[in-house]
Protein backbone atom coordinates (compact mmCIF):
# COMPACT_ATOMS: atom_id res chain seq x y z
CA MET A 1 -56.78 -16.61 46.82
CA SER A 2 -54.63 -18.98 44.82
CA GLN A 3 -56.70 -22.11 45.33
CA LEU A 4 -60.08 -23.11 46.80
CA SER A 5 -61.34 -26.61 47.60
CA LEU A 6 -64.76 -27.54 46.22
CA ALA A 7 -64.93 -30.64 48.41
CA ALA A 8 -64.03 -29.02 51.75
CA THR A 9 -67.02 -26.64 51.86
CA PRO A 10 -69.85 -28.39 49.97
CA SER A 11 -72.57 -25.94 51.04
CA ALA A 12 -70.52 -22.80 50.50
CA ASN A 13 -71.73 -20.05 48.19
CA LEU A 14 -68.61 -19.78 46.05
CA ALA A 15 -69.84 -16.64 44.31
CA GLU A 16 -68.97 -14.79 47.51
CA GLN A 17 -65.43 -16.22 47.60
CA ILE A 18 -64.17 -15.78 44.04
CA SER A 19 -63.92 -12.90 41.61
CA LEU A 20 -66.63 -12.38 39.01
CA ASN A 21 -65.56 -12.72 35.36
CA CYS A 22 -62.32 -14.52 36.28
CA TRP A 23 -61.51 -18.02 35.10
CA TYR A 24 -60.31 -20.73 37.48
CA LYS A 25 -58.82 -24.05 36.47
CA ILE A 26 -60.45 -27.14 38.04
CA GLU A 27 -57.87 -29.63 39.26
CA ASN A 28 -58.41 -32.40 41.84
CA LYS A 29 -61.62 -30.74 43.09
CA HIS A 30 -59.87 -27.40 43.60
CA LEU A 31 -60.28 -24.05 41.85
CA ILE A 32 -56.90 -22.61 40.92
CA THR A 33 -56.42 -18.97 39.95
CA THR A 34 -55.25 -18.40 36.38
CA ASP A 35 -54.83 -15.49 33.98
CA PHE A 36 -56.51 -17.57 31.26
CA THR A 37 -59.43 -16.23 29.21
CA PRO A 38 -60.91 -18.72 26.71
CA LYS A 39 -61.44 -17.71 23.10
CA ALA A 40 -65.12 -17.80 22.15
CA ASN A 41 -64.46 -19.87 19.04
CA GLN A 42 -62.53 -22.62 20.84
CA GLY A 43 -64.05 -25.45 22.85
CA VAL A 44 -67.45 -25.92 24.50
CA PHE A 45 -68.99 -23.71 27.18
CA SER A 46 -71.41 -25.35 29.64
CA VAL A 47 -73.51 -22.67 31.34
CA ALA A 48 -75.44 -23.36 34.57
CA PHE A 49 -78.08 -20.91 35.81
CA GLY A 50 -81.52 -20.68 37.39
CA ASN A 51 -80.66 -20.98 41.08
CA GLU A 52 -77.71 -20.16 43.30
CA LEU A 53 -75.27 -23.05 43.14
CA ASN A 54 -73.15 -24.24 46.02
CA ALA A 55 -69.76 -25.97 45.86
CA GLU A 56 -71.31 -29.45 45.97
CA GLN A 57 -73.52 -28.73 42.94
CA LEU A 58 -70.64 -27.23 40.98
CA LEU A 59 -68.59 -30.30 41.75
CA ALA A 60 -71.46 -32.51 40.55
CA ILE A 61 -71.55 -30.60 37.24
CA SER A 62 -67.77 -30.87 36.91
CA ASP A 63 -67.91 -34.63 37.52
CA PHE A 64 -70.78 -35.03 35.05
CA LEU A 65 -68.89 -33.15 32.33
CA ALA A 66 -65.70 -35.10 32.96
CA ALA A 67 -67.63 -38.38 32.73
CA GLN A 68 -69.02 -37.22 29.37
CA GLY A 69 -65.50 -36.69 28.01
CA PHE A 70 -65.07 -32.96 28.64
CA SER A 71 -61.46 -32.44 29.64
CA ASN A 72 -59.22 -29.61 30.82
CA LEU A 73 -62.10 -27.88 32.62
CA SER A 74 -62.05 -24.31 33.86
CA LEU A 75 -64.79 -22.33 35.60
CA CYS A 76 -66.03 -18.74 35.68
CA CYS A 77 -68.79 -16.99 37.62
CA TYR A 78 -70.48 -14.01 35.95
CA GLN A 79 -73.57 -11.79 36.14
CA PRO A 80 -74.96 -10.15 32.98
CA ILE A 81 -77.29 -7.74 34.80
CA ALA A 82 -76.88 -6.51 38.36
CA ASP A 83 -80.10 -7.94 39.83
CA MET A 84 -79.87 -11.34 38.09
CA PRO A 85 -78.54 -14.40 39.94
CA VAL A 86 -75.00 -15.25 38.92
CA ALA A 87 -74.35 -17.94 36.30
CA TRP A 88 -71.45 -20.37 36.06
CA SER A 89 -69.67 -21.31 32.87
CA PHE A 90 -67.46 -24.37 32.49
CA HIS A 91 -65.03 -24.33 29.56
CA SER A 92 -63.56 -27.44 27.97
CA ASP A 93 -61.29 -27.78 24.97
CA THR A 94 -63.55 -30.61 23.78
CA THR A 95 -65.21 -29.54 20.54
CA THR A 96 -68.49 -31.50 20.43
CA ALA A 97 -71.50 -30.53 22.57
CA LEU A 98 -73.97 -32.96 24.15
CA SER A 99 -77.62 -33.32 23.16
CA PRO A 100 -79.68 -30.66 24.98
CA LEU A 101 -82.01 -33.43 26.16
CA VAL A 102 -79.10 -35.08 28.01
CA LEU A 103 -78.30 -31.75 29.67
CA VAL A 104 -81.94 -31.16 30.62
CA GLU A 105 -82.23 -34.58 32.23
CA PHE A 106 -79.08 -34.07 34.32
CA ALA A 107 -79.92 -30.47 35.27
CA LYS A 108 -83.34 -31.49 36.63
CA GLN A 109 -81.58 -33.46 39.37
CA LEU A 110 -79.92 -30.25 40.59
CA GLY A 111 -82.93 -27.97 40.07
CA ILE A 112 -81.06 -25.79 37.59
CA GLN A 113 -80.77 -25.20 33.86
CA LEU A 114 -77.67 -26.30 31.97
CA VAL A 115 -76.90 -25.47 28.35
CA GLN A 116 -73.87 -25.80 26.10
CA LEU A 117 -72.57 -23.23 23.64
CA THR A 118 -69.95 -23.27 20.91
CA ASN A 119 -68.69 -19.95 19.52
CA PRO A 120 -71.35 -17.93 21.40
CA PRO A 121 -72.39 -14.40 20.42
CA THR A 122 -71.55 -11.36 22.53
CA VAL A 123 -73.97 -8.65 23.53
CA ASN A 124 -71.12 -6.16 23.30
CA GLU A 125 -71.14 -6.24 19.50
CA PRO A 126 -74.17 -5.48 17.26
CA GLY A 127 -76.37 -8.49 16.69
CA LEU A 128 -79.77 -9.81 15.67
CA LEU A 129 -82.46 -11.48 17.77
CA LEU A 130 -85.13 -13.06 15.53
CA MET A 131 -88.05 -14.48 17.49
CA ASP A 132 -91.06 -16.59 16.79
CA MET A 133 -94.16 -14.91 18.21
CA ASP A 134 -96.81 -17.40 19.41
CA SER A 135 -95.70 -19.29 22.55
CA THR A 136 -92.35 -17.50 22.36
CA ALA A 137 -92.70 -13.71 22.50
CA ILE A 138 -96.29 -14.13 23.75
CA THR A 139 -97.74 -16.93 25.87
CA ILE A 140 -100.63 -17.90 23.56
CA GLU A 141 -101.23 -19.27 20.06
CA CYS A 142 -103.25 -16.49 18.42
CA ILE A 143 -104.96 -18.74 15.89
CA ASP A 144 -106.25 -20.95 18.71
CA GLU A 145 -107.63 -17.93 20.55
CA ILE A 146 -109.36 -16.66 17.41
CA ALA A 147 -110.81 -20.14 17.03
CA ARG A 148 -112.11 -19.96 20.59
CA LEU A 149 -114.03 -16.84 19.62
CA ALA A 150 -115.48 -18.74 16.65
CA ASP A 151 -116.40 -21.80 18.75
CA VAL A 152 -114.04 -24.07 16.77
CA TYR A 153 -111.23 -24.09 19.32
CA ASP A 154 -110.87 -27.84 19.82
CA GLU A 155 -110.77 -28.47 16.08
CA VAL A 156 -108.14 -25.80 15.38
CA ALA A 157 -106.03 -26.37 18.49
CA ALA A 158 -105.60 -30.06 17.64
CA VAL A 159 -104.22 -29.15 14.19
CA THR A 160 -101.98 -26.45 15.75
CA ALA A 161 -100.47 -28.97 18.17
CA GLN A 162 -99.74 -31.41 15.33
CA ALA A 163 -98.18 -28.67 13.21
CA MET A 164 -95.95 -27.38 16.03
CA ALA A 165 -94.79 -30.92 16.77
CA GLY A 166 -93.78 -31.32 13.12
CA GLN A 167 -96.45 -33.91 12.33
CA LEU A 168 -98.14 -31.83 9.59
CA ASP A 169 -96.93 -29.58 6.77
CA PHE A 170 -97.13 -26.08 8.24
CA ALA A 171 -98.45 -24.22 5.18
CA GLN A 172 -101.23 -26.73 4.56
CA SER A 173 -102.17 -26.88 8.21
CA LEU A 174 -102.29 -23.07 8.36
CA LYS A 175 -104.69 -22.90 5.43
CA GLN A 176 -106.87 -25.62 6.98
CA ARG A 177 -107.08 -23.77 10.27
CA VAL A 178 -107.68 -20.32 8.80
CA ALA A 179 -110.48 -21.72 6.64
CA LYS A 180 -112.37 -22.57 9.83
CA LEU A 181 -112.23 -18.91 10.90
CA GLU A 182 -114.33 -17.57 8.04
CA GLY A 183 -116.78 -14.93 9.18
CA ILE A 184 -114.95 -13.74 12.30
CA ASP A 185 -115.55 -10.00 12.80
CA VAL A 186 -112.54 -7.67 12.77
CA ASP A 187 -113.64 -6.24 16.13
CA LEU A 188 -112.98 -9.61 17.75
CA ILE A 189 -109.50 -9.66 16.23
CA ASP A 190 -108.87 -6.15 17.56
CA GLY A 191 -110.06 -7.16 21.01
CA LEU A 192 -107.66 -10.10 21.14
CA LYS A 193 -104.84 -7.94 19.81
CA ALA A 194 -105.35 -5.44 22.64
CA ARG A 195 -104.78 -8.05 25.36
CA LEU A 196 -101.83 -10.10 24.11
CA PRO A 197 -99.93 -11.61 27.08
CA LEU A 198 -96.17 -11.19 26.70
CA MET A 199 -93.89 -14.07 27.67
CA PRO A 200 -92.29 -13.34 31.08
CA GLY A 201 -88.92 -11.65 30.63
CA VAL A 202 -89.23 -10.90 26.92
CA SER A 203 -89.71 -7.16 27.47
CA GLU A 204 -86.65 -6.97 29.75
CA LEU A 205 -84.60 -9.02 27.27
CA CYS A 206 -85.52 -6.69 24.41
CA GLN A 207 -84.66 -3.62 26.49
CA TYR A 208 -81.29 -5.16 27.39
CA LEU A 209 -80.47 -5.94 23.75
CA LYS A 210 -81.70 -2.57 22.47
CA ALA A 211 -79.36 -0.86 24.93
CA HIS A 212 -76.54 -2.82 23.28
CA ASN A 213 -77.47 -1.85 19.71
CA TRP A 214 -79.08 -5.16 18.72
CA HIS A 215 -81.65 -5.47 15.93
CA LEU A 216 -84.89 -7.08 17.12
CA ALA A 217 -87.41 -8.81 14.85
CA ILE A 218 -90.18 -11.38 14.67
CA ALA A 219 -90.64 -14.07 12.04
CA SER A 220 -93.99 -15.65 12.82
CA GLY A 221 -96.30 -18.24 11.35
CA GLY A 222 -99.00 -16.18 13.05
CA PHE A 223 -100.65 -13.06 11.74
CA VAL A 224 -99.69 -9.48 10.95
CA PRO A 225 -102.15 -7.64 13.27
CA PHE A 226 -100.77 -9.45 16.31
CA ALA A 227 -97.14 -9.21 15.19
CA GLU A 228 -97.51 -5.45 14.73
CA GLN A 229 -98.99 -5.18 18.23
CA VAL A 230 -96.03 -7.10 19.69
CA GLN A 231 -93.72 -4.86 17.67
CA SER A 232 -95.28 -1.84 19.34
CA LEU A 233 -95.10 -3.38 22.83
CA LEU A 234 -91.46 -4.45 22.53
CA ASP A 235 -90.11 -1.70 20.26
CA LEU A 236 -89.04 -4.21 17.61
CA ASP A 237 -87.31 -3.12 14.42
CA GLU A 238 -89.37 -5.28 12.04
CA VAL A 239 -91.91 -8.11 11.90
CA HIS A 240 -92.70 -10.78 9.33
CA ALA A 241 -95.98 -12.70 9.59
CA ASN A 242 -98.92 -14.01 7.58
CA THR A 243 -101.60 -11.74 6.14
CA LEU A 244 -105.24 -12.57 6.82
CA GLU A 245 -107.76 -11.61 4.14
CA PHE A 246 -110.74 -9.52 5.24
CA LYS A 247 -113.90 -8.63 3.33
CA ASP A 248 -116.58 -6.36 4.75
CA ASN A 249 -114.67 -6.36 8.05
CA ARG A 250 -114.82 -10.15 8.39
CA LEU A 251 -112.29 -12.89 7.81
CA THR A 252 -112.69 -14.68 4.50
CA GLY A 253 -110.93 -17.80 5.78
CA LYS A 254 -107.93 -17.20 3.51
CA VAL A 255 -104.30 -16.22 3.93
CA ILE A 256 -102.85 -14.02 1.19
CA GLY A 257 -99.26 -13.42 0.10
CA THR A 258 -96.16 -15.36 1.08
CA ILE A 259 -96.68 -17.95 3.80
CA VAL A 260 -94.21 -17.49 6.64
CA ASP A 261 -93.30 -21.14 7.14
CA ALA A 262 -90.05 -22.78 8.30
CA GLU A 263 -88.21 -22.04 5.06
CA GLU A 264 -89.35 -18.41 4.96
CA LYS A 265 -88.29 -17.87 8.57
CA ALA A 266 -84.78 -19.05 7.70
CA ARG A 267 -84.76 -16.77 4.65
CA VAL A 268 -85.83 -13.81 6.80
CA LEU A 269 -82.91 -14.43 9.14
CA LYS A 270 -80.42 -14.56 6.28
CA ARG A 271 -81.84 -11.42 4.65
CA ILE A 272 -81.55 -9.41 7.86
CA GLU A 273 -78.08 -10.79 8.59
CA GLN A 274 -76.92 -9.67 5.15
CA LYS A 275 -78.69 -6.32 5.39
CA LEU A 276 -76.93 -5.56 8.67
CA THR A 277 -73.62 -7.11 7.49
CA LEU A 278 -73.42 -9.21 10.64
CA ASN A 279 -71.10 -12.10 11.34
CA ASN A 280 -73.36 -15.17 11.62
CA ARG A 281 -72.13 -15.71 15.19
CA GLN A 282 -74.00 -12.54 16.12
CA THR A 283 -77.41 -13.90 15.07
CA VAL A 284 -79.79 -15.51 17.56
CA ALA A 285 -83.06 -17.24 16.64
CA MET A 286 -85.59 -18.19 19.28
CA GLY A 287 -88.72 -20.34 18.98
CA ASP A 288 -90.76 -23.20 20.39
CA GLY A 289 -92.09 -25.19 17.43
CA ALA A 290 -90.87 -27.50 14.70
CA ASN A 291 -91.36 -24.73 12.15
CA ASP A 292 -88.67 -22.70 13.97
CA LEU A 293 -85.92 -25.33 13.57
CA LYS A 294 -84.65 -24.16 10.17
CA MET A 295 -84.50 -20.56 11.39
CA MET A 296 -82.60 -21.70 14.48
CA ALA A 297 -80.22 -23.81 12.40
CA ALA A 298 -79.48 -20.83 10.15
CA ALA A 299 -78.59 -18.64 13.15
CA GLY A 300 -75.32 -18.56 14.99
CA LEU A 301 -77.25 -19.52 18.13
CA GLY A 302 -80.63 -21.29 18.15
CA VAL A 303 -82.60 -21.18 21.41
CA ALA A 304 -85.63 -23.39 22.07
CA VAL A 305 -88.09 -21.60 24.36
CA HIS A 306 -90.18 -23.93 26.51
CA GLY A 307 -89.95 -26.09 23.40
CA LYS A 308 -91.39 -29.43 22.42
CA PRO A 309 -88.94 -32.35 22.90
CA LYS A 310 -88.23 -32.55 19.15
CA VAL A 311 -87.34 -28.86 19.15
CA VAL A 312 -85.17 -29.03 22.29
CA GLU A 313 -83.30 -32.02 20.88
CA GLN A 314 -82.40 -30.24 17.65
CA ALA A 315 -81.76 -26.75 19.01
CA GLN A 316 -78.30 -25.73 20.16
CA THR A 317 -79.63 -24.50 23.50
CA ALA A 318 -82.91 -24.40 25.41
CA ILE A 319 -84.56 -22.20 28.03
CA ASN A 320 -86.91 -24.72 29.60
CA GLU A 321 -88.42 -22.66 32.37
CA GLY A 322 -88.47 -19.18 33.81
CA SER A 323 -87.86 -15.74 32.38
CA LEU A 324 -86.64 -15.12 28.84
CA LEU A 325 -84.24 -12.57 30.32
CA GLN A 326 -82.13 -15.67 31.06
CA VAL A 327 -81.11 -15.56 27.38
CA ALA A 328 -78.77 -12.79 28.57
CA TYR A 329 -76.64 -15.51 30.19
CA LEU A 330 -75.93 -16.91 26.72
CA LEU A 331 -74.78 -13.57 25.32
CA SER A 332 -72.48 -12.26 28.02
CA LEU A 333 -69.84 -14.88 28.82
CA PRO A 334 -66.50 -13.31 29.82
CA LEU A 335 -64.51 -14.51 26.79
CA ASP A 336 -62.02 -13.37 24.19
CA TYR A 337 -64.32 -12.74 21.22
CA SER A 338 -61.63 -11.75 18.74
CA LEU A 339 -61.80 -13.79 15.53
């Protein structure tokens, strides 16, 4: 096939008609075969995933990107893992990405997810995934669930929501919340630790990255007992979290040692990056709250996970719904990754 019309067959499943991992130039609503492979460090990559896309939807994305000033578009269909739906990447030589909120709003109309990447990492070289824990690697906020056990849930959850939205200083809010947990028995902590609900897809994502020699870690504003449990469940290389003080097997209402706040999370990322002698492009930080933004900014790729609007707006990319295994789409584009 030398050329295929997007307009002639609007409902066609193009993934069945073109070659995976090959790039096609988009000209006058046609896909034209090329031997072109974009360099990872040149231009912007717009990645669409979440549902199977037909020709009409791909044309709508192409028109949207062109209207936003993205020129010289080319298109590639690829599949990171055999049983995942295919994803589509549009490349433009434009150098400035759109706000993720603009992409989210457009993508909702098509029932898909659409993100933009500049100089993306590759799973085929060693890398680092540094995750937040609460509402990222697991589906709950541990401090809120401890508070539920202590019958102070509403009080603590309200402060948690303000802190995650960036309305309160994290360290001070953490101390305020932990103070309300004084007297909680260690057995209740152990019980909660034993039933932590993992975020859908996080286990599969970690297995995928481990198989490609990636270093996996958590930097959490939560607490060490839960982080160590997640470490065990996901086979993580290291975890960094806050230390609760116990006396006579009960919480004292205090946190001891270094507070893992936004600044410390960013420092953790840089320390691991240097320890592993990684190129910054090969570092990925993932989180949902305002206290994850500095960590995400320090990484080569920052991914907001089901994030608050403030977080989505400031992150480079966002997974707004569905499995965290979809992060694999962001790490496996068929590109020339040579520097």
